[in-house]
Amino acid sequence: MFVTLEPCCHHGKTGPCTEAILAAGIRRVVIGTCDPFPHVDGGGIAALQAAGVEVETGLLEDEAKHLIAPFTKQVKTGLPWVHAKWAMTLDGKIATRTGHSQWISSPGSREIVHELRGRMDAILVGANTAAVDDPMLTARPAGSRIATRIVVDSNARLSLESQLVKTARTLPVLVVATEKANSHAIKQLQDLGVEVLIMPASPDSDFPKMKNLLTELGSRQMSHILVEGGGALLGSFFDAGLVDEAHVFVSPKIVGGSHAVSAVAGEGKETVPQQSDFENIEFQQVGDDIYIHGRLKKDRN
């Protein structure tokens, strides 16, 4: 038997994989990588060996670790895997100086985004994006997961007439506000089925601390979240070093303008990196667009 991840040896939602392997009479198991989950972490291998099963580990180990990286992150830190996504023009703009942004990317690129949304536990946007674009933030067609739609809105000013609020009783909506939000505005949202989460504001911005938000989402067993923007929200995640994976769609269009909106705002870096920020980077042509996808380099130990 060849498996990417060490067979489990504990009772969870299902019985132990090790017991199923022994019951099937399998005599040799080849494992890509050990399970970082504390209830397993070598215990599955030990249980199989104690029963006389030949166990080999390390086959394509790097590839197996890459495959389970989001699971490993959640086990070790309690935080979900963060995907950042944006579509931009060739000159790096996600909207014109008037805020117009539909559509920068091609229909094919938007199909990929919907497929991506269908694999997420939550989709995040900022208050300005919610106000300007009035998005639904759903996967069309629906994917394997139903994402909670999250608006980071310090003042809880999400319009009661927005598509998000109007569909809140059907699909979950969470507004993340700070203590300065008006209590009446909060109650109005709650009365329409919107969950409102109050978090302390960051000392240097109107946003809550993004790591605190990720900790909360992780406690809700969310393993994959998609940050869709705008620039200020994306900037806050990049400034805090919280992005794990990026999905960028570059369209061969020029917007120009010093007041046009850039993809990633925030404080930014002081110097230009001398090497790529990405590892395992991939490029794909989608119609006239280029889809750039990769993981951000960081210590994941």
Protein backbone atom coordinates (compact mmCIF):
# COMPACT_ATOMS: atom_id res chain seq x y z
CA MET A 1 0.00 0.00 0.00
CA PHE A 2 1.35 3.43 -0.98
CA VAL A 3 0.09 6.49 0.95
CA THR A 4 1.15 10.13 1.05
CA LEU A 5 0.41 10.51 4.78
CA GLU A 6 1.06 8.21 7.72
CA PRO A 7 -2.08 6.13 8.50
CA CYS A 8 -3.87 7.35 11.62
CA CYS A 9 -4.08 5.24 14.77
CA HIS A 10 -6.80 7.05 16.74
CA HIS A 11 -10.58 7.26 16.74
CA GLY A 12 -11.93 10.46 15.20
CA LYS A 13 -14.84 10.88 12.79
CA THR A 14 -13.84 7.43 11.50
CA GLY A 15 -11.95 4.51 12.95
CA PRO A 16 -8.16 4.15 12.81
CA CYS A 17 -6.68 3.60 9.35
CA THR A 18 -4.15 1.25 10.91
CA GLU A 19 -6.92 -1.15 11.97
CA ALA A 20 -8.38 -1.13 8.44
CA ILE A 21 -4.94 -1.89 6.98
CA LEU A 22 -4.42 -4.81 9.35
CA ALA A 23 -7.93 -6.14 8.70
CA ALA A 24 -7.24 -6.06 4.95
CA GLY A 25 -4.12 -8.18 5.41
CA ILE A 26 -1.76 -5.64 3.83
CA ARG A 27 1.83 -6.64 4.67
CA ARG A 28 3.83 -3.66 3.36
CA VAL A 29 3.04 0.07 3.61
CA VAL A 30 5.10 2.80 1.90
CA ILE A 31 4.52 6.27 3.40
CA GLY A 32 5.40 9.65 1.94
CA THR A 33 5.57 11.63 5.19
CA CYS A 34 4.70 11.30 8.88
CA ASP A 35 1.47 12.78 10.20
CA PRO A 36 2.14 15.99 12.23
CA PHE A 37 -1.14 15.58 14.13
CA PRO A 38 -0.23 14.98 17.83
CA HIS A 39 -2.58 11.96 18.15
CA VAL A 40 -0.63 10.23 15.36
CA ASP A 41 2.92 11.63 14.82
CA GLY A 42 4.66 8.28 14.45
CA GLY A 43 2.05 6.28 16.32
CA GLY A 44 0.53 4.91 13.14
CA ILE A 45 3.90 3.64 11.94
CA ALA A 46 4.61 2.09 15.34
CA ALA A 47 1.22 0.33 15.41
CA LEU A 48 1.77 -1.18 11.99
CA GLN A 49 5.31 -2.32 12.79
CA ALA A 50 4.17 -3.86 16.08
CA ALA A 51 1.69 -5.96 14.10
CA GLY A 52 4.43 -7.21 11.80
CA VAL A 53 3.75 -4.93 8.82
CA GLU A 54 6.80 -3.81 6.86
CA VAL A 55 6.82 0.02 6.81
CA GLU A 56 8.95 2.27 4.62
CA THR A 57 8.87 6.08 4.90
CA GLY A 58 10.19 8.97 2.85
CA LEU A 59 9.10 8.09 -0.68
CA LEU A 60 8.59 11.44 -2.50
CA GLU A 61 8.65 13.06 0.94
CA ASP A 62 9.12 16.65 -0.29
CA GLU A 63 6.16 16.31 -2.65
CA ALA A 64 4.02 14.80 0.12
CA LYS A 65 4.92 17.61 2.54
CA HIS A 66 4.04 20.15 -0.13
CA LEU A 67 0.67 18.48 -0.59
CA ILE A 68 -0.24 18.55 3.11
CA ALA A 69 1.29 21.97 3.92
CA PRO A 70 -2.08 23.60 4.72
CA PHE A 71 -2.95 20.73 7.09
CA THR A 72 0.48 20.94 8.72
CA LYS A 73 0.13 24.69 9.24
CA GLN A 74 -3.23 24.33 10.95
CA VAL A 75 -2.01 21.50 13.18
CA LYS A 76 1.12 23.39 14.27
CA THR A 77 -0.24 26.96 14.50
CA GLY A 78 -4.03 26.73 14.60
CA LEU A 79 -4.15 29.13 11.65
CA PRO A 80 -5.80 28.55 8.26
CA TRP A 81 -3.90 28.57 4.97
CA VAL A 82 -4.22 32.04 3.43
CA HIS A 83 -4.71 32.45 -0.32
CA ALA A 84 -4.43 35.98 -1.75
CA LYS A 85 -6.11 36.68 -5.08
CA TRP A 86 -6.33 39.70 -7.32
CA ALA A 87 -6.69 40.66 -10.96
CA MET A 88 -4.66 43.60 -12.23
CA THR A 89 -3.79 45.46 -15.37
CA LEU A 90 -0.34 45.34 -16.93
CA ASP A 91 0.54 48.49 -14.98
CA GLY A 92 -0.47 46.93 -11.66
CA LYS A 93 -3.91 48.50 -11.11
CA ILE A 94 -6.98 46.73 -9.74
CA ALA A 95 -9.30 49.65 -10.47
CA THR A 96 -9.26 53.02 -12.23
CA ARG A 97 -9.09 56.36 -10.41
CA THR A 98 -12.92 56.34 -10.34
CA GLY A 99 -13.01 52.87 -8.75
CA HIS A 100 -14.21 51.10 -11.90
CA SER A 101 -12.92 47.52 -12.09
CA GLN A 102 -15.36 45.35 -14.03
CA TRP A 103 -13.91 43.58 -15.75
CA ILE A 104 -10.12 43.60 -15.65
CA SER A 105 -9.77 39.85 -16.07
CA SER A 106 -11.11 37.61 -18.82
CA PRO A 107 -14.09 35.24 -18.51
CA GLY A 108 -11.67 32.32 -18.38
CA SER A 109 -9.80 33.85 -15.46
CA ARG A 110 -13.05 34.44 -13.60
CA GLU A 111 -13.96 30.78 -14.09
CA ILE A 112 -10.73 29.82 -12.31
CA VAL A 113 -11.61 32.20 -9.46
CA HIS A 114 -15.02 30.57 -9.04
CA GLU A 115 -13.37 27.13 -8.93
CA LEU A 116 -10.96 28.49 -6.31
CA ARG A 117 -13.82 29.91 -4.22
CA GLY A 118 -15.46 26.50 -4.24
CA ARG A 119 -12.51 25.08 -2.28
CA MET A 120 -12.51 27.75 0.43
CA ASP A 121 -13.93 27.88 3.96
CA ALA A 122 -14.07 31.68 3.89
CA ILE A 123 -13.71 34.55 1.42
CA LEU A 124 -12.58 37.95 2.72
CA VAL A 125 -13.00 41.43 1.31
CA GLY A 126 -12.65 44.91 2.76
CA ALA A 127 -15.47 47.34 3.42
CA ASN A 128 -14.67 49.49 0.37
CA THR A 129 -14.70 46.50 -1.99
CA ALA A 130 -18.05 45.41 -0.55
CA ALA A 131 -19.46 48.91 -1.04
CA VAL A 132 -18.12 49.56 -4.55
CA ASP A 133 -18.51 46.11 -6.13
CA ASP A 134 -21.52 44.81 -4.16
CA PRO A 135 -20.25 41.24 -4.66
CA MET A 136 -21.96 37.94 -3.87
CA LEU A 137 -18.65 36.18 -3.11
CA THR A 138 -20.05 32.78 -4.07
CA ALA A 139 -18.71 30.01 -6.27
CA ARG A 140 -20.66 29.57 -9.48
CA PRO A 141 -21.21 26.69 -9.93
CA ALA A 142 -20.98 25.68 -6.30
CA GLY A 143 -17.88 23.81 -5.21
CA SER A 144 -17.19 21.19 -2.55
CA ARG A 145 -17.30 23.78 0.24
CA ILE A 146 -19.66 26.63 1.10
CA ALA A 147 -17.50 29.59 2.09
CA THR A 148 -18.41 32.03 4.84
CA ARG A 149 -18.39 35.47 3.24
CA ILE A 150 -16.42 37.86 5.43
CA VAL A 151 -16.31 41.65 5.25
CA VAL A 152 -13.61 43.39 7.29
CA ASP A 153 -15.62 46.50 8.10
CA SER A 154 -14.39 48.37 11.18
CA ASN A 155 -17.50 50.54 11.39
CA ALA A 156 -20.05 47.82 10.49
CA ARG A 157 -21.39 50.00 7.66
CA LEU A 158 -22.13 47.18 5.23
CA SER A 159 -25.23 48.27 3.32
CA LEU A 160 -28.43 46.58 4.37
CA GLU A 161 -29.34 46.56 0.66
CA SER A 162 -26.15 44.76 -0.40
CA GLN A 163 -26.30 41.34 -2.01
CA LEU A 164 -24.35 39.95 0.93
CA VAL A 165 -26.90 41.08 3.51
CA LYS A 166 -29.88 40.10 1.37
CA THR A 167 -28.56 36.52 1.14
CA ALA A 168 -27.21 36.23 4.70
CA ARG A 169 -29.98 33.90 5.86
CA THR A 170 -29.14 31.52 3.01
CA LEU A 171 -25.34 31.70 2.93
CA PRO A 172 -23.25 32.75 5.95
CA VAL A 173 -21.98 36.33 6.20
CA LEU A 174 -19.58 37.56 8.89
CA VAL A 175 -18.79 41.24 9.42
CA VAL A 176 -15.56 41.85 11.35
CA ALA A 177 -15.83 45.22 13.12
CA THR A 178 -13.98 47.05 15.88
CA GLU A 179 -15.18 48.62 19.14
CA LYS A 180 -15.91 51.91 17.39
CA ALA A 181 -18.74 50.37 15.34
CA ASN A 182 -22.19 51.83 16.03
CA SER A 183 -24.31 49.47 18.16
CA HIS A 184 -27.44 50.28 16.17
CA ALA A 185 -25.70 49.41 12.90
CA ILE A 186 -24.53 46.13 14.42
CA LYS A 187 -28.04 45.22 15.55
CA GLN A 188 -29.51 46.00 12.14
CA LEU A 189 -27.06 43.60 10.51
CA GLN A 190 -27.69 40.93 13.11
CA ASP A 191 -31.44 41.23 12.68
CA LEU A 192 -30.96 40.38 9.00
CA GLY A 193 -28.92 37.25 9.70
CA VAL A 194 -25.39 38.70 9.59
CA GLU A 195 -22.96 37.60 12.27
CA VAL A 196 -20.92 40.52 13.64
CA LEU A 197 -17.57 39.83 15.28
CA ILE A 198 -16.02 42.65 17.34
CA MET A 199 -12.23 42.64 17.51
CA PRO A 200 -9.67 45.17 18.80
CA ALA A 201 -8.29 47.51 16.16
CA SER A 202 -4.62 47.42 15.27
CA PRO A 203 -2.71 50.32 16.85
CA ASP A 204 -1.45 51.48 13.44
CA SER A 205 -4.59 51.02 11.31
CA ASP A 206 -8.38 50.84 11.33
CA PHE A 207 -8.24 47.11 10.65
CA PRO A 208 -8.28 44.52 13.41
CA LYS A 209 -5.07 42.56 13.82
CA MET A 210 -5.18 40.08 10.99
CA LYS A 211 -3.43 37.34 12.97
CA ASN A 212 -6.11 37.62 15.66
CA LEU A 213 -8.74 37.22 12.96
CA LEU A 214 -6.96 34.17 11.55
CA THR A 215 -6.79 32.66 15.03
CA GLU A 216 -10.55 33.07 15.35
CA LEU A 217 -11.17 31.52 11.93
CA GLY A 218 -8.83 28.65 12.77
CA SER A 219 -10.76 27.99 15.98
CA ARG A 220 -13.81 27.56 13.76
CA GLN A 221 -11.98 24.76 11.92
CA MET A 222 -11.51 26.83 8.76
CA SER A 223 -8.49 25.49 6.91
CA HIS A 224 -8.43 27.55 3.68
CA ILE A 225 -9.38 31.22 3.32
CA LEU A 226 -9.27 33.45 0.25
CA VAL A 227 -8.45 37.15 0.61
CA GLU A 228 -9.85 38.90 -2.47
CA GLY A 229 -9.09 42.51 -1.62
CA GLY A 230 -9.03 45.40 -2.02
CA GLY A 231 -5.56 46.79 -1.85
CA ALA A 232 -5.68 47.91 1.79
CA LEU A 233 -6.82 44.51 3.04
CA LEU A 234 -4.31 42.65 0.89
CA GLY A 235 -1.60 45.04 2.08
CA SER A 236 -2.40 44.35 5.73
CA PHE A 237 -2.02 40.60 5.16
CA PHE A 238 1.25 40.98 3.24
CA ASP A 239 2.67 43.46 5.77
CA ALA A 240 1.99 40.92 8.54
CA GLY A 241 3.57 38.08 6.54
CA LEU A 242 0.35 36.06 6.68
CA VAL A 243 -0.09 35.12 3.01
CA ASP A 244 0.78 31.53 2.11
CA GLU A 245 -0.26 31.34 -1.53
CA ALA A 246 -1.06 33.90 -4.24
CA HIS A 247 -3.25 33.76 -7.32
CA VAL A 248 -2.65 36.73 -9.62
CA PHE A 249 -4.35 37.40 -12.94
CA VAL A 250 -2.55 39.92 -15.15
CA SER A 251 -4.51 41.42 -18.03
CA PRO A 252 -2.84 43.16 -21.01
CA LYS A 253 -4.64 46.43 -20.32
CA ILE A 254 -3.26 49.82 -19.30
CA VAL A 255 -5.19 52.02 -16.87
CA GLY A 256 -2.59 54.55 -15.73
CA GLY A 257 -3.19 57.38 -13.33
CA SER A 258 -1.46 58.24 -10.09
CA HIS A 259 -4.76 57.86 -8.22
CA ALA A 260 -5.70 54.48 -9.70
CA VAL A 261 -5.86 51.68 -7.16
CA SER A 262 -2.85 49.39 -6.75
CA ALA A 263 -3.18 45.71 -5.95
CA VAL A 264 -1.29 45.66 -2.65
CA ALA A 265 -1.27 48.74 -0.43
CA GLY A 266 -0.31 48.86 3.23
CA GLU A 267 3.14 49.91 4.42
CA GLY A 268 5.06 47.75 1.97
CA LYS A 269 8.76 46.90 1.87
CA GLU A 270 11.62 49.36 2.22
CA THR A 271 13.76 47.74 -0.46
CA VAL A 272 13.16 45.63 -3.56
CA PRO A 273 13.72 41.90 -2.88
CA GLN A 274 16.79 40.55 -4.66
CA GLN A 275 15.12 37.18 -5.23
CA SER A 276 11.62 36.01 -6.04
CA ASP A 277 9.08 36.09 -3.23
CA PHE A 278 7.61 32.87 -4.60
CA GLU A 279 8.45 29.20 -4.68
CA ASN A 280 6.88 26.57 -6.93
CA ILE A 281 5.71 29.38 -9.18
CA GLU A 282 3.50 28.53 -12.15
CA PHE A 283 2.42 30.55 -15.19
CA GLN A 284 -0.64 29.82 -17.29
CA GLN A 285 -2.12 31.73 -20.21
CA VAL A 286 -5.89 32.11 -19.86
CA GLY A 287 -7.27 33.85 -22.94
CA ASP A 288 -5.33 37.10 -23.07
CA ASP A 289 -4.52 36.96 -19.35
CA ILE A 290 -1.56 35.44 -17.55
CA TYR A 291 -2.40 33.51 -14.37
CA ILE A 292 0.52 33.51 -11.91
CA HIS A 293 0.25 31.09 -9.02
CA GLY A 294 2.75 30.22 -6.32
CA ARG A 295 3.48 29.90 -2.64
CA LEU A 296 5.20 32.64 -0.67
CA LYS A 297 8.64 31.77 0.66
CA LYS A 298 8.71 31.55 4.43
CA ASP A 299 9.85 29.31 7.22
CA ARG A 300 7.11 26.71 7.67
CA ASN A 301 8.76 24.70 10.44
